[in-house]
Amino acid sequence: MDNYHLSPTDEGWELKKVGAERASKRAATKQELVSSLADFFNGKTGSVKIHKADGSIEEERTYPRTADPRRSKG
């Protein structure tokens, strides 16, 4: 499973694969990028750590949901 970080930048927000030099996706707003995650991960398996504007981690999502190793609600 590939791991990604959705993080703030000087120009907006980016989705970047761990170890990659370039962003996989960029957007002006966090919401715009979060909304596009399901389409981006269609047919792929990945884990995304979504950061707050201050850089701390807000949440982690797994795509597709069935690939989530935790068997809990939420």
Protein backbone atom coordinates (compact mmCIF):
# COMPACT_ATOMS: atom_id res chain seq x y z
CA MET A 1 0.00 0.00 0.00
CA ASP A 2 1.32 3.42 -0.96
CA ASN A 3 1.41 6.15 1.68
CA TYR A 4 0.61 9.79 0.95
CA HIS A 5 0.48 13.09 2.82
CA LEU A 6 -2.01 15.87 2.09
CA SER A 7 -0.19 18.95 3.34
CA PRO A 8 -0.23 22.75 3.11
CA THR A 9 2.30 24.56 0.90
CA ASP A 10 3.05 28.20 0.15
CA GLU A 11 0.83 27.98 -2.95
CA GLY A 12 -2.07 25.94 -1.48
CA TRP A 13 -2.29 22.19 -0.74
CA GLU A 14 -0.62 19.12 -2.20
CA LEU A 15 -0.97 15.35 -2.16
CA LYS A 16 2.48 13.78 -2.15
CA LYS A 17 3.54 10.14 -2.11
CA VAL A 18 6.06 9.33 0.63
CA GLY A 19 9.54 9.42 -0.91
CA ALA A 20 8.46 11.31 -4.04
CA GLU A 21 10.01 14.62 -5.04
CA ARG A 22 6.95 15.99 -6.84
CA ALA A 23 3.34 16.21 -5.74
CA SER A 24 0.79 13.81 -7.25
CA LYS A 25 -1.95 16.47 -7.07
CA ARG A 26 -2.24 20.13 -6.11
CA ALA A 27 -5.18 22.39 -5.29
CA ALA A 28 -5.79 25.89 -4.02
CA THR A 29 -7.83 24.67 -1.04
CA LYS A 30 -7.70 21.70 1.30
CA GLN A 31 -11.38 20.91 0.71
CA GLU A 32 -10.88 20.80 -3.06
CA LEU A 33 -8.07 18.27 -2.69
CA VAL A 34 -9.86 16.14 -0.07
CA SER A 35 -12.92 15.99 -2.35
CA SER A 36 -10.81 14.62 -5.20
CA LEU A 37 -9.21 11.78 -3.20
CA ALA A 38 -11.80 9.11 -4.04
CA ASP A 39 -11.34 9.73 -7.77
CA PHE A 40 -7.54 9.80 -7.45
CA PHE A 41 -7.49 6.46 -5.63
CA ASN A 42 -10.05 4.77 -7.92
CA GLY A 43 -8.46 1.40 -8.74
CA LYS A 44 -5.51 2.03 -6.40
CA THR A 45 -4.80 1.21 -2.77
CA GLY A 46 -3.34 3.89 -0.55
CA SER A 47 -3.24 5.54 2.84
CA VAL A 48 -3.48 9.32 3.21
CA LYS A 49 -2.48 11.34 6.26
CA ILE A 50 -4.43 14.59 6.09
CA HIS A 51 -2.64 17.47 7.81
CA LYS A 52 -4.01 20.65 9.38
CA ALA A 53 -2.80 24.08 8.28
CA ASP A 54 -0.24 24.02 11.13
CA GLY A 55 1.25 20.76 9.79
CA SER A 56 -0.09 18.43 12.49
CA ILE A 57 -2.01 15.32 11.41
CA GLU A 58 -5.79 15.72 11.47
CA GLU A 59 -6.83 12.26 10.23
CA GLU A 60 -5.78 9.23 8.21
CA ARG A 61 -7.86 7.66 5.44
CA THR A 62 -7.43 4.39 3.57
CA TYR A 63 -8.58 3.87 -0.03
CA PRO A 64 -10.47 1.77 -0.77
CA ARG A 65 -12.18 1.61 2.61
CA THR A 66 -12.06 -2.21 2.51
CA ALA A 67 -8.26 -2.02 2.64
CA ASP A 68 -8.34 -0.34 6.07
CA PRO A 69 -6.46 -2.64 8.47
CA ARG A 70 -8.50 -1.44 11.45
CA ARG A 71 -11.88 -3.07 11.95
CA SER A 72 -13.50 -0.14 13.69
CA LYS A 73 -16.15 2.38 12.79
CA GLY A 74 -14.96 5.78 11.73
